[in-house]
Amino acid sequence: KNILLDSGMHPGYNDERRFPDFRYISREGNMNGLIDLVIISHFHLDHCGSLPYFTEICGYSGPIYATHPTKAIMPILLEDYRKISVERRGVDEKDFFTSQMIKDCMLKITPCPLEETIV
């Protein structure tokens, strides 16, 4: 299986460098044929910050797993970072994910207990 462990971002950048360049995985943009599942280890932005970008913009629709606390806290941190970036720093929202994208992304995550084996 091809597992993507975390989908983080670099909070120090306000340009395209903030998110990973997923073209290194697929130049055609079809992530579903190459990634079997995503596991988010914890809710820090450098581990989960690009997940809405990966699912809603890059189009990944496969399984995503995170612990219950991670899934609960992620949308709060992602929305806070989005507000700071778009509303305070003036980052163009077309180059970022929206509040709705965060909500849609969270619906795709399967929560699991901390010590559960999923693969």
N, C-alpha and C. Protein backbone atom coordinates (compact mmCIF):
# COMPACT_ATOMS: atom_id res chain seq x y z
N LYS A 1 0.83 -1.19 0.00
CA LYS A 1 0.00 0.00 0.00
C LYS A 1 0.87 1.25 0.00
N ASN A 2 0.37 2.28 -0.65
CA ASN A 2 1.02 3.59 -0.63
C ASN A 2 0.27 4.46 0.36
N ILE A 3 0.93 4.78 1.46
CA ILE A 3 0.31 5.53 2.55
C ILE A 3 0.96 6.90 2.64
N LEU A 4 0.13 7.93 2.67
CA LEU A 4 0.62 9.29 2.91
C LEU A 4 0.48 9.54 4.40
N LEU A 5 1.60 9.65 5.10
CA LEU A 5 1.59 9.94 6.53
C LEU A 5 1.68 11.45 6.70
N ASP A 6 0.58 12.05 7.06
CA ASP A 6 0.44 13.48 7.27
C ASP A 6 0.36 14.25 5.96
N SER A 7 -0.28 15.38 6.04
CA SER A 7 -0.43 16.29 4.90
C SER A 7 -0.31 17.70 5.46
N GLY A 8 0.92 18.04 5.78
CA GLY A 8 1.19 19.28 6.49
C GLY A 8 1.45 20.47 5.60
N MET A 9 1.72 21.58 6.25
CA MET A 9 2.02 22.82 5.55
C MET A 9 3.11 23.56 6.30
N HIS A 10 3.68 24.54 5.64
CA HIS A 10 4.72 25.36 6.25
C HIS A 10 4.09 26.71 6.59
N PRO A 11 3.80 26.96 7.87
CA PRO A 11 3.11 28.20 8.24
C PRO A 11 3.96 29.45 8.07
N GLY A 12 5.23 29.30 7.77
CA GLY A 12 6.10 30.45 7.60
C GLY A 12 6.01 31.12 6.24
N TYR A 13 5.32 30.49 5.30
CA TYR A 13 5.20 31.05 3.95
C TYR A 13 3.77 31.51 3.67
N ASN A 14 3.65 32.57 2.89
CA ASN A 14 2.34 33.07 2.48
C ASN A 14 2.12 32.90 0.98
N ASP A 15 2.94 32.09 0.34
CA ASP A 15 2.80 31.88 -1.10
C ASP A 15 2.65 30.38 -1.36
N GLU A 16 2.87 29.97 -2.60
CA GLU A 16 2.64 28.57 -2.97
C GLU A 16 3.52 27.59 -2.20
N ARG A 17 4.56 28.07 -1.55
CA ARG A 17 5.44 27.19 -0.78
C ARG A 17 4.80 26.72 0.53
N ARG A 18 3.68 27.30 0.91
CA ARG A 18 3.04 26.91 2.18
C ARG A 18 2.56 25.46 2.12
N PHE A 19 2.10 25.00 0.94
CA PHE A 19 1.61 23.64 0.78
C PHE A 19 2.63 22.79 0.03
N PRO A 20 2.63 21.48 0.27
CA PRO A 20 3.53 20.61 -0.49
C PRO A 20 3.22 20.68 -1.99
N ASP A 21 4.23 20.45 -2.78
CA ASP A 21 4.03 20.39 -4.23
C ASP A 21 3.64 18.95 -4.57
N PHE A 22 2.35 18.70 -4.60
CA PHE A 22 1.85 17.34 -4.81
C PHE A 22 2.11 16.84 -6.22
N ARG A 23 2.63 17.69 -7.10
CA ARG A 23 2.99 17.22 -8.44
C ARG A 23 4.14 16.22 -8.38
N TYR A 24 4.88 16.19 -7.28
CA TYR A 24 5.92 15.18 -7.13
C TYR A 24 5.31 13.79 -6.98
N ILE A 25 4.08 13.72 -6.53
CA ILE A 25 3.37 12.44 -6.44
C ILE A 25 2.78 12.08 -7.79
N SER A 26 2.11 13.05 -8.41
CA SER A 26 1.48 12.81 -9.70
C SER A 26 1.45 14.09 -10.51
N ARG A 27 2.13 14.09 -11.62
CA ARG A 27 2.11 15.26 -12.51
C ARG A 27 0.74 15.46 -13.14
N GLU A 28 -0.01 14.37 -13.31
CA GLU A 28 -1.35 14.45 -13.89
C GLU A 28 -2.39 14.88 -12.87
N GLY A 29 -2.05 14.85 -11.59
CA GLY A 29 -2.97 15.27 -10.55
C GLY A 29 -3.90 14.19 -10.04
N ASN A 30 -3.78 12.95 -10.52
CA ASN A 30 -4.65 11.87 -10.05
C ASN A 30 -4.04 11.22 -8.82
N MET A 31 -4.38 11.72 -7.66
CA MET A 31 -3.83 11.19 -6.42
C MET A 31 -4.48 9.86 -6.03
N ASN A 32 -5.73 9.66 -6.45
CA ASN A 32 -6.46 8.47 -6.04
C ASN A 32 -5.85 7.18 -6.56
N GLY A 33 -5.21 7.21 -7.69
CA GLY A 33 -4.59 6.01 -8.23
C GLY A 33 -3.24 5.70 -7.62
N LEU A 34 -2.68 6.66 -6.89
CA LEU A 34 -1.34 6.49 -6.34
C LEU A 34 -1.28 6.40 -4.82
N ILE A 35 -2.22 7.02 -4.15
CA ILE A 35 -2.25 7.00 -2.68
C ILE A 35 -3.42 6.14 -2.24
N ASP A 36 -3.13 5.11 -1.45
CA ASP A 36 -4.18 4.20 -0.98
C ASP A 36 -4.92 4.75 0.23
N LEU A 37 -4.20 5.45 1.10
CA LEU A 37 -4.84 6.04 2.26
C LEU A 37 -3.94 7.09 2.88
N VAL A 38 -4.56 7.96 3.67
CA VAL A 38 -3.85 9.02 4.37
C VAL A 38 -4.06 8.80 5.87
N ILE A 39 -2.99 8.94 6.62
CA ILE A 39 -3.06 8.90 8.08
C ILE A 39 -2.55 10.23 8.60
N ILE A 40 -3.35 10.91 9.40
CA ILE A 40 -2.93 12.16 10.03
C ILE A 40 -2.52 11.82 11.45
N SER A 41 -1.25 12.05 11.77
CA SER A 41 -0.72 11.63 13.07
C SER A 41 -1.22 12.49 14.22
N HIS A 42 -1.33 13.79 13.99
CA HIS A 42 -1.85 14.69 15.03
C HIS A 42 -2.22 16.03 14.41
N PHE A 43 -2.80 16.91 15.21
CA PHE A 43 -3.46 18.11 14.68
C PHE A 43 -2.57 19.33 14.47
N HIS A 44 -1.29 19.25 14.66
CA HIS A 44 -0.43 20.42 14.38
C HIS A 44 -0.47 20.73 12.88
N LEU A 45 -0.44 22.02 12.54
CA LEU A 45 -0.57 22.42 11.14
C LEU A 45 0.52 21.86 10.24
N ASP A 46 1.70 21.64 10.79
CA ASP A 46 2.76 21.08 9.95
C ASP A 46 2.54 19.59 9.69
N HIS A 47 1.45 19.04 10.21
CA HIS A 47 1.09 17.65 9.95
C HIS A 47 -0.28 17.50 9.28
N CYS A 48 -1.15 18.51 9.44
CA CYS A 48 -2.50 18.39 8.86
C CYS A 48 -2.91 19.61 8.04
N GLY A 49 -2.09 20.63 7.97
CA GLY A 49 -2.48 21.92 7.41
C GLY A 49 -2.81 21.95 5.93
N SER A 50 -2.34 20.99 5.16
CA SER A 50 -2.66 21.00 3.73
C SER A 50 -3.72 19.96 3.37
N LEU A 51 -4.30 19.30 4.36
CA LEU A 51 -5.28 18.26 4.04
C LEU A 51 -6.48 18.79 3.25
N PRO A 52 -7.07 19.94 3.60
CA PRO A 52 -8.17 20.46 2.76
C PRO A 52 -7.71 20.77 1.34
N TYR A 53 -6.50 21.23 1.19
CA TYR A 53 -5.94 21.49 -0.14
C TYR A 53 -5.81 20.18 -0.91
N PHE A 54 -5.31 19.14 -0.23
CA PHE A 54 -5.10 17.84 -0.85
C PHE A 54 -6.42 17.19 -1.28
N THR A 55 -7.44 17.30 -0.43
CA THR A 55 -8.72 16.66 -0.77
C THR A 55 -9.58 17.51 -1.69
N GLU A 56 -9.70 18.78 -1.42
CA GLU A 56 -10.67 19.62 -2.13
C GLU A 56 -10.10 20.26 -3.39
N ILE A 57 -8.81 20.49 -3.46
CA ILE A 57 -8.22 21.11 -4.65
C ILE A 57 -7.49 20.08 -5.50
N CYS A 58 -6.70 19.21 -4.85
CA CYS A 58 -5.99 18.17 -5.60
C CYS A 58 -6.89 16.99 -5.92
N GLY A 59 -8.00 16.85 -5.22
CA GLY A 59 -9.00 15.85 -5.57
C GLY A 59 -8.86 14.48 -4.94
N TYR A 60 -8.03 14.34 -3.90
CA TYR A 60 -7.92 13.03 -3.26
C TYR A 60 -9.24 12.68 -2.58
N SER A 61 -9.74 11.47 -2.84
CA SER A 61 -11.02 11.06 -2.26
C SER A 61 -10.95 9.70 -1.57
N GLY A 62 -9.75 9.20 -1.35
CA GLY A 62 -9.58 7.92 -0.68
C GLY A 62 -9.73 8.03 0.82
N PRO A 63 -9.48 6.93 1.52
CA PRO A 63 -9.64 6.91 2.97
C PRO A 63 -8.64 7.81 3.69
N ILE A 64 -9.12 8.45 4.75
CA ILE A 64 -8.29 9.30 5.61
C ILE A 64 -8.61 8.91 7.05
N TYR A 65 -7.58 8.69 7.85
CA TYR A 65 -7.76 8.31 9.24
C TYR A 65 -7.05 9.29 10.16
N ALA A 66 -7.68 9.55 11.30
CA ALA A 66 -7.09 10.37 12.35
C ALA A 66 -7.76 9.97 13.66
N THR A 67 -7.09 10.21 14.76
CA THR A 67 -7.71 9.92 16.05
C THR A 67 -8.88 10.88 16.29
N HIS A 68 -9.74 10.52 17.21
CA HIS A 68 -10.89 11.37 17.53
C HIS A 68 -10.46 12.77 17.96
N PRO A 69 -9.47 12.92 18.87
CA PRO A 69 -9.06 14.28 19.25
C PRO A 69 -8.48 15.07 18.07
N THR A 70 -7.73 14.41 17.22
CA THR A 70 -7.16 15.10 16.06
C THR A 70 -8.27 15.59 15.14
N LYS A 71 -9.23 14.75 14.86
CA LYS A 71 -10.34 15.16 13.99
C LYS A 71 -11.15 16.29 14.62
N ALA A 72 -11.28 16.30 15.93
CA ALA A 72 -12.06 17.33 16.61
C ALA A 72 -11.36 18.69 16.61
N ILE A 73 -10.06 18.69 16.75
CA ILE A 73 -9.30 19.95 16.87
C ILE A 73 -8.88 20.51 15.52
N MET A 74 -8.66 19.64 14.54
CA MET A 74 -8.19 20.09 13.22
C MET A 74 -9.01 21.22 12.61
N PRO A 75 -10.34 21.12 12.54
CA PRO A 75 -11.08 22.20 11.87
C PRO A 75 -10.95 23.54 12.57
N ILE A 76 -10.78 23.53 13.87
CA ILE A 76 -10.61 24.78 14.62
C ILE A 76 -9.29 25.44 14.23
N LEU A 77 -8.22 24.66 14.21
CA LEU A 77 -6.91 25.20 13.85
C LEU A 77 -6.86 25.61 12.39
N LEU A 78 -7.44 24.81 11.51
CA LEU A 78 -7.43 25.13 10.08
C LEU A 78 -8.21 26.41 9.79
N GLU A 79 -9.37 26.57 10.42
CA GLU A 79 -10.17 27.77 10.20
C GLU A 79 -9.47 29.00 10.77
N ASP A 80 -8.84 28.86 11.91
CA ASP A 80 -8.10 29.98 12.49
C ASP A 80 -6.95 30.39 11.58
N TYR A 81 -6.22 29.41 11.07
CA TYR A 81 -5.11 29.73 10.16
C TYR A 81 -5.62 30.35 8.86
N ARG A 82 -6.75 29.86 8.34
CA ARG A 82 -7.33 30.42 7.13
C ARG A 82 -7.71 31.88 7.35
N LYS A 83 -8.35 32.17 8.48
CA LYS A 83 -8.75 33.55 8.77
C LYS A 83 -7.53 34.46 8.87
N ILE A 84 -6.52 34.02 9.57
CA ILE A 84 -5.30 34.83 9.71
C ILE A 84 -4.67 35.07 8.35
N SER A 85 -4.58 34.04 7.54
CA SER A 85 -3.92 34.15 6.24
C SER A 85 -4.71 35.01 5.26
N VAL A 86 -6.00 34.74 5.14
CA VAL A 86 -6.81 35.40 4.12
C VAL A 86 -7.28 36.78 4.59
N GLU A 87 -7.77 36.86 5.81
CA GLU A 87 -8.38 38.10 6.27
C GLU A 87 -7.38 39.10 6.82
N ARG A 88 -6.31 38.63 7.44
CA ARG A 88 -5.35 39.56 8.04
C ARG A 88 -4.11 39.78 7.20
N ARG A 89 -3.63 38.71 6.58
CA ARG A 89 -2.41 38.82 5.78
C ARG A 89 -2.68 39.12 4.32
N GLY A 90 -3.93 39.04 3.92
CA GLY A 90 -4.29 39.38 2.55
C GLY A 90 -3.96 38.33 1.51
N VAL A 91 -3.80 37.07 1.93
CA VAL A 91 -3.55 36.00 0.97
C VAL A 91 -4.81 35.83 0.12
N ASP A 92 -4.64 35.72 -1.18
CA ASP A 92 -5.78 35.56 -2.09
C ASP A 92 -6.46 34.22 -1.82
N GLU A 93 -7.75 34.25 -1.53
CA GLU A 93 -8.46 33.02 -1.17
C GLU A 93 -8.48 32.01 -2.31
N LYS A 94 -8.32 32.43 -3.55
CA LYS A 94 -8.28 31.47 -4.65
C LYS A 94 -7.03 30.59 -4.57
N ASP A 95 -6.01 31.04 -3.83
CA ASP A 95 -4.79 30.27 -3.65
C ASP A 95 -4.79 29.54 -2.31
N PHE A 96 -5.94 29.49 -1.68
CA PHE A 96 -6.03 28.90 -0.35
C PHE A 96 -7.30 28.07 -0.29
N PHE A 97 -7.55 27.39 0.81
CA PHE A 97 -8.80 26.67 0.95
C PHE A 97 -9.82 27.54 1.68
N THR A 98 -11.09 27.29 1.43
CA THR A 98 -12.17 28.07 2.03
C THR A 98 -12.70 27.37 3.29
N SER A 99 -13.55 28.07 4.02
CA SER A 99 -14.20 27.46 5.19
C SER A 99 -15.01 26.24 4.79
N GLN A 100 -15.69 26.32 3.66
CA GLN A 100 -16.49 25.18 3.20
C GLN A 100 -15.59 23.99 2.84
N MET A 101 -14.44 24.25 2.27
CA MET A 101 -13.50 23.17 1.95
C MET A 101 -13.03 22.47 3.22
N ILE A 102 -12.81 23.23 4.28
CA ILE A 102 -12.42 22.62 5.56
C ILE A 102 -13.54 21.69 6.04
N LYS A 103 -14.78 22.16 6.00
CA LYS A 103 -15.92 21.34 6.44
C LYS A 103 -16.05 20.08 5.59
N ASP A 104 -15.93 20.24 4.28
CA ASP A 104 -16.04 19.09 3.37
C ASP A 104 -14.93 18.08 3.63
N CYS A 105 -13.73 18.58 3.86
CA CYS A 105 -12.58 17.71 4.14
C CYS A 105 -12.80 16.92 5.43
N MET A 106 -13.30 17.57 6.46
CA MET A 106 -13.50 16.91 7.75
C MET A 106 -14.50 15.76 7.65
N LEU A 107 -15.46 15.89 6.74
CA LEU A 107 -16.45 14.81 6.55
C LEU A 107 -15.81 13.55 5.96
N LYS A 108 -14.66 13.69 5.35
CA LYS A 108 -13.99 12.56 4.70
C LYS A 108 -13.07 11.79 5.64
N ILE A 109 -12.88 12.30 6.86
CA ILE A 109 -11.96 11.67 7.81
C ILE A 109 -12.71 10.64 8.64
N THR A 110 -12.13 9.45 8.73
CA THR A 110 -12.65 8.40 9.60
C THR A 110 -11.89 8.46 10.92
N PRO A 111 -12.59 8.76 12.02
CA PRO A 111 -11.88 8.79 13.30
C PRO A 111 -11.62 7.37 13.79
N CYS A 112 -10.51 7.20 14.48
CA CYS A 112 -10.17 5.88 15.01
C CYS A 112 -9.52 6.04 16.38
N PRO A 113 -9.66 5.03 17.23
CA PRO A 113 -9.01 5.07 18.54
C PRO A 113 -7.49 5.10 18.38
N LEU A 114 -6.83 5.65 19.37
CA LEU A 114 -5.39 5.86 19.31
C LEU A 114 -4.60 4.59 19.01
N GLU A 115 -4.92 3.49 19.62
CA GLU A 115 -4.10 2.29 19.45
C GLU A 115 -4.71 1.28 18.49
N GLU A 116 -5.63 1.71 17.65
CA GLU A 116 -6.25 0.81 16.69
C GLU A 116 -5.34 0.60 15.48
N THR A 117 -5.25 -0.64 15.02
CA THR A 117 -4.51 -0.95 13.80
C THR A 117 -5.46 -0.78 12.62
N ILE A 118 -5.06 0.05 11.65
CA ILE A 118 -5.95 0.31 10.52
C ILE A 118 -5.41 -0.26 9.21
N VAL A 119 -4.16 -0.63 9.18
CA VAL A 119 -3.57 -1.18 7.95
C VAL A 119 -2.94 -2.51 8.27
